[in-house]
Amino acid sequence: MVSQHPSIVQELNSMSDGKKYITSEELKKHNKPSDLWISIQGKVYNVTEWAKDHPGGDIPLLNLAGQDVTDAFIAFHPGTAWKHLDKLFTGYHLKDYQVSEVSRDYRKLASEFAKAGMFEKKGHGVIYSLCFVSLLLSACVYGVLYSESFWVHMLSGAILGLAWMQIAYLGHDAGHYQMMATRGWNKFAGIFIGNCITGISIAWWKWTHNAHHISCNSLDYDPDLQHLPMLAVSSKLFNSLTSVFYGRQLTFDPLARFFVSYQHYSYYPIMCVARVNLYLQTILLLISKRKIPDRGLNIIGTLIFWTWFPLLVSRLPNWPERVAFVLVSFCVTGIQHVQFTLNHFAASVYVGPPKGNDWFEKQTSGTIDIACSSWMDWFFGGLQFQLEHHLFPRLPRCHLRSISPIVRELCKKHNLPYMSLSFYDANVVTVKTLRIAAIQARDITNPDPQNLVWEAFNTHG
């Protein structure tokens, strides 16, 4: 039939205004790596070849393939990016292109922030943070090299952990192009403070973090929720979902069931040594066959870390102190791993790909802010304003507190959740979420509905 032939449908959809049109259903068919189209403000673009060179990687484009992605494009790209779209234009427009009231308000807000120059005004926070980190690293090295006291050595390990926490925030800023004035300097900063000082590849971080932002709290698309066999935030993971990000099955086998059944007890111990997994993930990515931007620089930077860090540890007098020093530094940094998980573990989750037309809604449902006094902003690196950051990932952290009331009002206007909890309450809710999944994992072979309802009532109140 004529209606089944895309080219004829497209031709019939040509309008009297001289433009050629396709429908959203037609656009959805172009959702494969070899045939990848997207729409931005109703204009259709072929990004099949561009996906290979996209600075943010191919994952965001593949996850949103065949959809209108206007809100996501606005969130992640500066105004200068619009001029590069013309060469990708297919000549088609989206016939049934519509803008929701939420998206309309979001785009207006982003435009106002851009006109005010907020994306370029980075404040002096970076300079303060760099000075603070330099002071911490110097104190750590001094304590290791010039003291024979066991307790000074342990304090030096704790100071190193605190320095790594602050460096991670700077690496996060650099990865989002918030830290330095140009993309090149941000790349240098990311590799230097990420690979060289922390041993965690900025390439690995960008690969996973961009996917996390695009598919926030999708159990099968967001790598930040895929922690089997150790942790599961939802019983939906018991179905052995296939991770679209990793391209493998998240198998819920007897081993996973055992670990998950006690995850509300093991959560904090796991966070204390979670850094080991990040080192492993960095190495696995750098030796993989996957196309990695600046692979050579990332490898060199990682080797620099694995040169200075073992040398520093080796200057301690004996092996018990060396092991204790490393464990203390990892445990302090574990506080940051807890911070990161608090923002999402207890929020709403879903299964399936992200959708381009509910960008604002997905960010509000999948994120939790941490309420704290302004003098504690340094401790959270701005990420206590998780929703604000997810909505405007290019916005320097110095502006996040000031836009928080505006975002809160926008959520209220559209009857969307704005979740903000104290650090303590966020920990409580996260552990309760893990406990519910743990109880369900124990009862998965012979569930007792009354028991599950009673436990859910006790954990959620």
Protein backbone atom coordinates (compact mmCIF):
# COMPACT_ATOMS: atom_id res chain seq x y z
CA MET A 1 0.00 0.00 0.00
CA VAL A 2 1.10 3.57 -0.66
CA SER A 3 0.77 4.49 3.03
CA GLN A 4 3.41 1.91 3.92
CA HIS A 5 6.19 3.41 1.75
CA PRO A 6 8.17 6.04 3.68
CA SER A 7 9.31 8.04 0.67
CA ILE A 8 5.75 8.33 -0.68
CA VAL A 9 4.45 9.25 2.77
CA GLN A 10 7.09 11.94 3.07
CA GLU A 11 6.20 13.29 -0.39
CA LEU A 12 2.50 13.37 0.44
CA ASN A 13 3.31 15.25 3.62
CA SER A 14 4.96 18.08 1.68
CA MET A 15 2.96 21.19 2.41
CA SER A 16 2.01 24.21 0.36
CA ASP A 17 4.55 26.35 2.21
CA GLY A 18 7.31 24.60 0.26
CA LYS A 19 8.58 22.60 3.22
CA LYS A 20 8.80 18.82 3.32
CA TYR A 21 7.33 17.08 6.35
CA ILE A 22 7.47 13.73 8.10
CA THR A 23 5.52 12.57 11.14
CA SER A 24 6.87 11.55 14.53
CA GLU A 25 6.06 7.94 13.62
CA GLU A 26 8.25 8.22 10.53
CA LEU A 27 11.02 9.78 12.58
CA LYS A 28 10.92 6.87 15.03
CA LYS A 29 11.95 4.49 12.25
CA HIS A 30 15.34 6.20 11.99
CA ASN A 31 16.56 4.96 15.38
CA LYS A 32 19.50 2.69 14.53
CA PRO A 33 23.26 3.40 14.54
CA SER A 34 23.28 3.03 10.76
CA ASP A 35 20.22 5.27 10.32
CA LEU A 36 20.05 7.85 13.10
CA TRP A 37 17.78 10.89 12.85
CA ILE A 38 16.69 13.37 15.51
CA SER A 39 14.53 16.47 15.56
CA ILE A 40 15.39 19.81 17.16
CA GLN A 41 12.69 22.48 17.25
CA GLY A 42 10.79 20.60 14.58
CA LYS A 43 13.67 20.38 12.08
CA VAL A 44 14.93 16.87 11.31
CA TYR A 45 18.65 16.10 11.28
CA ASN A 46 20.62 13.07 10.14
CA VAL A 47 23.32 12.48 12.78
CA THR A 48 24.36 8.99 11.66
CA GLU A 49 27.93 9.97 10.80
CA TRP A 50 28.14 12.82 13.33
CA ALA A 51 27.48 10.39 16.19
CA LYS A 52 30.98 8.97 15.69
CA ASP A 53 32.57 12.38 16.33
CA HIS A 54 30.07 13.80 18.80
CA PRO A 55 32.05 15.33 21.73
CA GLY A 56 29.51 13.88 24.17
CA GLY A 57 29.87 10.41 22.68
CA ASP A 58 27.40 8.39 20.65
CA ILE A 59 25.39 7.08 23.64
CA PRO A 60 23.22 10.21 24.14
CA LEU A 61 22.34 10.28 20.43
CA LEU A 62 21.59 6.56 20.29
CA ASN A 63 19.42 6.73 23.42
CA LEU A 64 17.32 9.54 21.96
CA ALA A 65 17.37 8.38 18.34
CA GLY A 66 14.19 8.91 16.33
CA GLN A 67 12.82 11.57 18.69
CA ASP A 68 12.59 15.30 19.14
CA VAL A 69 15.49 16.16 21.47
CA THR A 70 15.14 19.94 21.73
CA ASP A 71 15.21 20.16 25.52
CA ALA A 72 18.23 17.86 25.85
CA PHE A 73 20.06 19.80 23.13
CA ILE A 74 19.39 23.08 24.92
CA ALA A 75 20.56 21.59 28.21
CA PHE A 76 23.91 20.33 26.95
CA HIS A 77 24.93 22.75 24.19
CA PRO A 78 25.98 26.41 24.15
CA GLY A 79 24.42 28.84 21.70
CA THR A 80 27.38 28.43 19.35
CA ALA A 81 26.37 24.81 18.67
CA TRP A 82 23.23 25.78 16.74
CA LYS A 83 25.19 26.94 13.69
CA HIS A 84 26.63 23.44 13.23
CA LEU A 85 23.19 21.89 12.73
CA ASP A 86 22.62 23.21 9.20
CA LYS A 87 25.02 20.73 7.61
CA LEU A 88 23.06 17.86 9.19
CA PHE A 89 19.60 19.05 8.11
CA THR A 90 17.67 16.46 6.08
CA GLY A 91 15.32 18.99 4.49
CA TYR A 92 12.39 17.59 6.49
CA HIS A 93 10.36 19.20 9.23
CA LEU A 94 8.30 17.42 11.87
CA LYS A 95 4.66 17.69 10.86
CA ASP A 96 3.19 17.04 14.31
CA TYR A 97 5.82 18.95 16.29
CA GLN A 98 4.38 20.25 19.55
CA VAL A 99 5.80 21.92 22.63
CA SER A 100 4.38 21.19 26.08
CA GLU A 101 3.85 23.98 28.57
CA VAL A 102 6.59 22.53 30.78
CA SER A 103 9.07 22.52 27.92
CA ARG A 104 8.04 26.01 26.90
CA ASP A 105 8.76 27.32 30.39
CA TYR A 106 12.03 25.37 30.60
CA ARG A 107 13.29 26.78 27.31
CA LYS A 108 12.31 30.29 28.34
CA LEU A 109 14.24 29.88 31.58
CA ALA A 110 17.32 28.55 29.78
CA SER A 111 17.15 31.51 27.38
CA GLU A 112 16.95 33.97 30.28
CA PHE A 113 19.98 32.39 31.96
CA ALA A 114 21.92 32.57 28.69
CA LYS A 115 21.04 36.23 28.11
CA ALA A 116 22.20 37.02 31.65
CA GLY A 117 25.55 35.40 30.83
CA MET A 118 25.21 32.90 33.67
CA PHE A 119 26.71 30.01 31.68
CA GLU A 120 29.92 32.00 31.20
CA LYS A 121 30.16 33.60 34.66
CA LYS A 122 32.05 30.95 36.60
CA GLY A 123 32.82 32.96 39.73
CA HIS A 124 35.95 32.42 41.82
CA GLY A 125 34.97 29.02 43.19
CA VAL A 126 37.39 27.17 40.92
CA ILE A 127 40.35 29.23 42.13
CA TYR A 128 39.36 28.71 45.76
CA SER A 129 38.91 24.98 45.20
CA LEU A 130 42.27 24.61 43.46
CA CYS A 131 44.01 26.44 46.30
CA PHE A 132 42.21 24.28 48.87
CA VAL A 133 43.11 21.07 47.05
CA SER A 134 46.76 22.15 46.71
CA LEU A 135 46.87 22.82 50.44
CA LEU A 136 45.35 19.43 51.24
CA LEU A 137 47.73 17.52 48.96
CA SER A 138 50.74 19.38 50.37
CA ALA A 139 49.64 18.59 53.93
CA CYS A 140 49.20 14.91 53.03
CA VAL A 141 52.65 14.61 51.45
CA TYR A 142 54.26 16.50 54.32
CA GLY A 143 52.62 14.25 56.90
CA VAL A 144 53.80 11.10 55.14
CA LEU A 145 57.36 12.24 54.44
CA TYR A 146 58.21 14.26 57.55
CA SER A 147 56.43 12.53 60.40
CA GLU A 148 56.97 9.18 62.05
CA SER A 149 53.68 9.23 63.95
CA PHE A 150 51.11 6.56 63.07
CA TRP A 151 48.25 8.97 63.78
CA VAL A 152 49.74 11.70 61.62
CA HIS A 153 49.98 9.16 58.82
CA MET A 154 46.32 8.21 59.27
CA LEU A 155 45.37 11.88 59.31
CA SER A 156 47.34 12.31 56.09
CA GLY A 157 45.31 9.47 54.54
CA ALA A 158 42.08 11.19 55.59
CA ILE A 159 43.32 14.47 54.14
CA LEU A 160 44.11 12.72 50.85
CA GLY A 161 40.57 11.31 50.79
CA LEU A 162 39.14 14.78 51.35
CA ALA A 163 41.36 16.14 48.56
CA TRP A 164 40.09 13.43 46.19
CA MET A 165 36.52 14.43 47.01
CA GLN A 166 37.17 18.05 46.11
CA ILE A 167 39.13 17.08 43.01
CA ALA A 168 36.22 14.93 41.84
CA TYR A 169 33.96 18.00 41.95
CA LEU A 170 36.48 19.94 39.87
CA GLY A 171 36.72 17.03 37.42
CA HIS A 172 32.94 17.02 37.19
CA ASP A 173 32.98 20.74 36.42
CA ALA A 174 35.66 20.26 33.76
CA GLY A 175 33.75 17.38 32.18
CA HIS A 176 30.72 19.63 31.80
CA TYR A 177 32.93 22.45 30.40
CA GLN A 178 32.14 24.58 33.46
CA MET A 179 35.61 24.90 34.93
CA MET A 180 37.82 26.65 32.39
CA ALA A 181 37.17 29.23 29.68
CA THR A 182 37.68 26.97 26.64
CA ARG A 183 36.97 23.37 25.72
CA GLY A 184 40.70 22.67 25.30
CA TRP A 185 41.57 23.89 28.78
CA ASN A 186 38.66 21.93 30.24
CA LYS A 187 40.00 18.81 28.54
CA PHE A 188 43.46 19.43 29.99
CA ALA A 189 42.00 20.08 33.45
CA GLY A 190 39.89 16.93 33.28
CA ILE A 191 42.82 14.67 32.39
CA PHE A 192 45.19 16.32 34.86
CA ILE A 193 42.96 16.33 37.92
CA GLY A 194 41.02 13.21 36.93
CA ASN A 195 43.54 10.74 35.52
CA CYS A 196 46.77 12.11 37.02
CA ILE A 197 45.63 12.92 40.56
CA THR A 198 42.71 10.55 41.20
CA GLY A 199 43.49 7.67 38.82
CA ILE A 200 39.94 7.75 37.41
CA SER A 201 39.77 8.38 33.68
CA ILE A 202 37.88 11.46 32.55
CA ALA A 203 37.05 9.49 29.38
CA TRP A 204 35.34 6.81 31.49
CA TRP A 205 33.52 9.47 33.49
CA LYS A 206 32.19 11.23 30.38
CA TRP A 207 31.12 7.95 28.83
CA THR A 208 29.01 6.95 31.83
CA HIS A 209 27.98 10.38 33.07
CA ASN A 210 26.52 11.61 29.77
CA ALA A 211 24.46 8.43 29.57
CA HIS A 212 23.31 8.99 33.16
CA HIS A 213 22.14 12.53 32.44
CA ILE A 214 20.23 11.55 29.30
CA SER A 215 18.56 8.46 30.77
CA CYS A 216 18.31 9.53 34.42
CA ASN A 217 17.10 6.58 36.54
CA SER A 218 16.23 4.23 33.69
CA LEU A 219 17.12 0.82 35.11
CA ASP A 220 18.31 -0.55 31.77
CA TYR A 221 19.79 2.64 30.24
CA ASP A 222 21.34 4.49 33.19
CA PRO A 223 24.70 2.92 34.24
CA ASP A 224 24.56 4.69 37.61
CA LEU A 225 21.79 2.31 38.74
CA GLN A 226 23.36 -0.89 37.39
CA HIS A 227 25.27 -2.34 40.34
CA LEU A 228 24.34 -6.01 40.33
CA PRO A 229 25.33 -8.34 41.89
CA MET A 230 26.04 -6.06 44.87
CA LEU A 231 23.14 -3.58 44.90
CA ALA A 232 19.64 -3.27 43.44
CA VAL A 233 17.41 -0.24 44.02
CA SER A 234 14.29 -1.87 42.60
CA SER A 235 12.75 -5.33 42.35
CA LYS A 236 12.46 -4.70 38.61
CA LEU A 237 16.16 -5.56 38.42
CA PHE A 238 15.28 -9.08 39.60
CA ASN A 239 14.05 -9.76 36.05
CA SER A 240 17.66 -9.84 34.81
CA LEU A 241 17.27 -6.78 32.62
CA THR A 242 19.61 -6.22 29.70
CA SER A 243 21.85 -3.20 30.18
CA VAL A 244 21.63 -1.20 26.97
CA PHE A 245 24.65 0.81 28.12
CA TYR A 246 26.97 -2.14 28.77
CA GLY A 247 25.38 -4.41 26.18
CA ARG A 248 25.02 -7.34 28.57
CA GLN A 249 22.47 -8.91 30.85
CA LEU A 250 22.27 -7.73 34.46
CA THR A 251 21.86 -11.26 35.74
CA PHE A 252 19.99 -11.69 39.00
CA ASP A 253 21.38 -15.07 39.98
CA PRO A 254 21.71 -16.75 43.41
CA LEU A 255 24.90 -14.80 44.13
CA ALA A 256 23.20 -11.49 43.35
CA ARG A 257 20.20 -12.49 45.41
CA PHE A 258 22.46 -13.20 48.38
CA PHE A 259 24.25 -9.85 48.20
CA VAL A 260 21.07 -7.86 47.54
CA SER A 261 19.29 -9.56 50.45
CA TYR A 262 21.72 -7.84 52.83
CA GLN A 263 22.41 -4.67 50.87
CA HIS A 264 20.94 -2.34 53.51
CA TYR A 265 23.71 -3.60 55.80
CA SER A 266 26.50 -3.74 53.21
CA TYR A 267 25.70 -0.38 51.59
CA TYR A 268 28.11 1.75 53.63
CA PRO A 269 30.96 -0.81 53.64
CA ILE A 270 30.61 -1.07 49.85
CA MET A 271 30.77 2.71 49.51
CA CYS A 272 34.01 2.69 51.54
CA VAL A 273 35.77 0.60 48.90
CA ALA A 274 33.76 1.68 45.83
CA ARG A 275 36.84 3.48 44.55
CA VAL A 276 38.40 0.12 43.67
CA ASN A 277 35.62 -0.47 41.17
CA LEU A 278 36.26 2.93 39.55
CA TYR A 279 39.93 2.06 39.09
CA LEU A 280 38.92 -1.25 37.53
CA GLN A 281 36.36 0.41 35.23
CA THR A 282 38.99 2.92 34.10
CA ILE A 283 41.46 0.19 33.19
CA LEU A 284 38.83 -1.95 31.43
CA LEU A 285 37.74 0.99 29.28
CA LEU A 286 41.25 2.11 28.37
CA ILE A 287 42.27 -1.38 27.22
CA SER A 288 38.99 -2.02 25.42
CA LYS A 289 38.43 -1.81 21.66
CA ARG A 290 35.87 0.93 22.12
CA LYS A 291 36.61 4.25 20.46
CA ILE A 292 37.86 6.55 23.22
CA PRO A 293 38.62 10.26 22.76
CA ASP A 294 42.22 11.07 23.71
CA ARG A 295 42.98 7.47 24.66
CA GLY A 296 46.73 8.11 24.71
CA LEU A 297 46.45 11.10 27.04
CA ASN A 298 44.09 9.19 29.32
CA ILE A 299 46.52 6.27 29.52
CA ILE A 300 49.48 8.56 30.25
CA GLY A 301 47.52 10.40 32.93
CA THR A 302 46.45 7.13 34.57
CA LEU A 303 50.05 5.86 34.56
CA ILE A 304 51.15 9.07 36.27
CA PHE A 305 48.68 8.34 39.09
CA TRP A 306 49.88 4.76 39.44
CA THR A 307 53.42 6.11 39.72
CA TRP A 308 53.07 8.83 42.36
CA PHE A 309 50.43 7.15 44.55
CA PRO A 310 52.33 3.85 45.12
CA LEU A 311 55.54 5.86 45.67
CA LEU A 312 53.83 7.97 48.34
CA VAL A 313 52.41 4.89 50.07
CA SER A 314 55.81 3.18 49.92
CA ARG A 315 57.33 5.95 52.06
CA LEU A 316 55.29 4.78 55.04
CA PRO A 317 57.35 2.68 57.45
CA ASN A 318 55.61 -0.70 57.25
CA TRP A 319 52.87 -2.64 55.48
CA PRO A 320 50.20 -2.36 58.22
CA GLU A 321 50.46 1.43 58.06
CA ARG A 322 50.43 1.37 54.26
CA VAL A 323 47.26 -0.71 54.16
CA ALA A 324 45.65 1.42 56.85
CA PHE A 325 46.61 4.63 55.02
CA VAL A 326 44.96 3.43 51.79
CA LEU A 327 41.84 2.21 53.60
CA VAL A 328 41.45 5.50 55.48
CA SER A 329 41.76 7.52 52.26
CA PHE A 330 39.22 5.25 50.54
CA CYS A 331 36.77 5.42 53.46
CA VAL A 332 36.84 9.23 53.54
CA THR A 333 36.27 9.33 49.78
CA GLY A 334 33.43 6.86 50.35
CA ILE A 335 31.45 9.77 51.80
CA GLN A 336 31.32 11.17 48.28
CA HIS A 337 30.08 7.87 46.85
CA VAL A 338 27.29 8.03 49.40
CA GLN A 339 26.55 11.62 48.34
CA PHE A 340 26.23 10.57 44.71
CA THR A 341 23.90 7.66 45.43
CA LEU A 342 21.66 9.73 47.72
CA ASN A 343 20.74 11.89 44.74
CA HIS A 344 19.15 9.01 42.82
CA PHE A 345 18.83 5.68 44.65
CA ALA A 346 15.57 6.59 46.42
CA ALA A 347 14.05 8.52 43.52
CA SER A 348 11.58 7.13 40.97
CA VAL A 349 12.91 4.60 38.47
CA TYR A 350 11.58 3.24 35.20
CA VAL A 351 12.41 0.64 32.56
CA GLY A 352 12.95 1.60 28.94
CA PRO A 353 14.63 4.29 26.85
CA PRO A 354 14.48 7.98 27.74
CA LYS A 355 12.05 10.17 25.83
CA GLY A 356 12.95 13.54 24.41
CA ASN A 357 9.54 15.11 25.04
CA ASP A 358 9.48 14.68 28.83
CA TRP A 359 12.95 15.96 29.70
CA PHE A 360 11.89 18.20 32.57
CA GLU A 361 9.53 15.62 34.05
CA LYS A 362 12.13 12.82 34.05
CA GLN A 363 14.73 15.00 35.79
CA THR A 364 12.31 16.00 38.55
CA SER A 365 11.18 12.44 39.22
CA GLY A 366 14.67 10.93 39.11
CA THR A 367 16.63 13.33 41.32
CA ILE A 368 16.78 14.30 44.99
CA ASP A 369 18.35 17.51 46.27
CA ILE A 370 20.24 17.64 49.56
CA ALA A 371 19.25 20.60 51.73
CA CYS A 372 22.17 22.26 53.48
CA SER A 373 23.40 25.67 54.60
CA SER A 374 25.32 27.75 52.09
CA TRP A 375 28.53 27.40 54.10
CA MET A 376 28.42 23.65 53.32
CA ASP A 377 28.24 24.09 49.55
CA TRP A 378 31.97 23.35 49.26
CA PHE A 379 31.41 19.93 50.85
CA PHE A 380 28.87 18.87 48.21
CA GLY A 381 30.53 20.60 45.26
CA GLY A 382 27.22 22.09 44.14
CA LEU A 383 25.73 18.66 43.51
CA GLN A 384 23.38 19.00 46.46
CA PHE A 385 21.34 20.94 43.90
CA GLN A 386 21.00 17.80 41.81
CA LEU A 387 17.80 18.73 40.00
CA GLU A 388 19.11 22.18 39.10
CA HIS A 389 22.30 20.59 37.80
CA HIS A 390 20.41 17.99 35.75
CA LEU A 391 18.21 20.65 34.17
CA PHE A 392 21.15 22.96 33.42
CA PRO A 393 24.31 20.78 33.36
CA ARG A 394 26.42 23.56 31.82
CA LEU A 395 25.57 26.05 34.55
CA PRO A 396 28.56 26.72 36.87
CA ARG A 397 27.93 25.54 40.41
CA CYS A 398 28.14 29.08 41.82
CA HIS A 399 24.68 29.79 40.32
CA LEU A 400 22.85 26.65 41.41
CA ARG A 401 21.73 27.96 44.80
CA SER A 402 20.39 31.18 43.25
CA ILE A 403 18.25 29.36 40.66
CA SER A 404 16.92 26.80 43.13
CA PRO A 405 13.85 28.88 44.14
CA ILE A 406 13.03 29.47 40.46
CA VAL A 407 13.17 25.75 39.68
CA ARG A 408 11.09 25.00 42.76
CA GLU A 409 8.39 27.42 41.61
CA LEU A 410 8.41 25.93 38.11
CA CYS A 411 7.90 22.46 39.57
CA LYS A 412 5.05 23.76 41.71
CA LYS A 413 3.44 25.45 38.70
CA HIS A 414 3.36 22.20 36.73
CA ASN A 415 2.57 19.95 39.72
CA LEU A 416 5.91 18.14 39.50
CA PRO A 417 7.94 16.83 42.46
CA TYR A 418 10.77 18.86 43.90
CA MET A 419 12.44 16.53 46.36
CA SER A 420 14.83 18.13 48.83
CA LEU A 421 15.95 16.27 51.95
CA SER A 422 18.52 16.84 54.63
CA PHE A 423 21.67 14.75 54.38
CA TYR A 424 20.46 12.62 57.29
CA ASP A 425 16.95 12.12 55.88
CA ALA A 426 18.34 11.30 52.44
CA ASN A 427 20.47 8.56 54.03
CA VAL A 428 17.44 7.20 55.87
CA VAL A 429 15.29 7.10 52.73
CA THR A 430 18.08 5.50 50.69
CA VAL A 431 18.66 2.74 53.23
CA LYS A 432 14.90 2.13 53.44
CA THR A 433 14.76 1.80 49.65
CA LEU A 434 17.58 -0.73 49.73
CA ARG A 435 15.88 -2.59 52.59
CA ILE A 436 12.61 -2.94 50.69
CA ALA A 437 14.44 -4.42 47.69
CA ALA A 438 16.43 -6.67 50.04
CA ILE A 439 13.24 -8.06 51.62
CA GLN A 440 11.73 -8.63 48.18
CA ALA A 441 14.89 -10.42 47.07
CA ARG A 442 14.69 -12.80 50.03
CA ASP A 443 11.03 -13.59 49.32
CA ILE A 444 11.33 -13.81 45.53
CA THR A 445 10.95 -17.59 45.36
CA ASN A 446 8.11 -17.78 47.89
CA PRO A 447 6.83 -14.27 48.53
CA ASP A 448 4.45 -13.61 51.39
CA PRO A 449 2.27 -10.65 50.30
CA GLN A 450 1.30 -9.78 53.87
CA ASN A 451 4.95 -9.72 54.91
CA LEU A 452 5.92 -7.50 51.99
CA VAL A 453 3.10 -5.04 52.68
CA TRP A 454 3.97 -4.95 56.40
CA GLU A 455 7.69 -4.41 55.71
CA ALA A 456 6.97 -1.77 53.11
CA PHE A 457 4.71 0.05 55.57
CA ASN A 458 7.38 -0.07 58.27
CA THR A 459 10.19 1.13 56.01
CA HIS A 460 8.25 3.86 54.25
CA GLY A 461 6.01 4.83 57.15
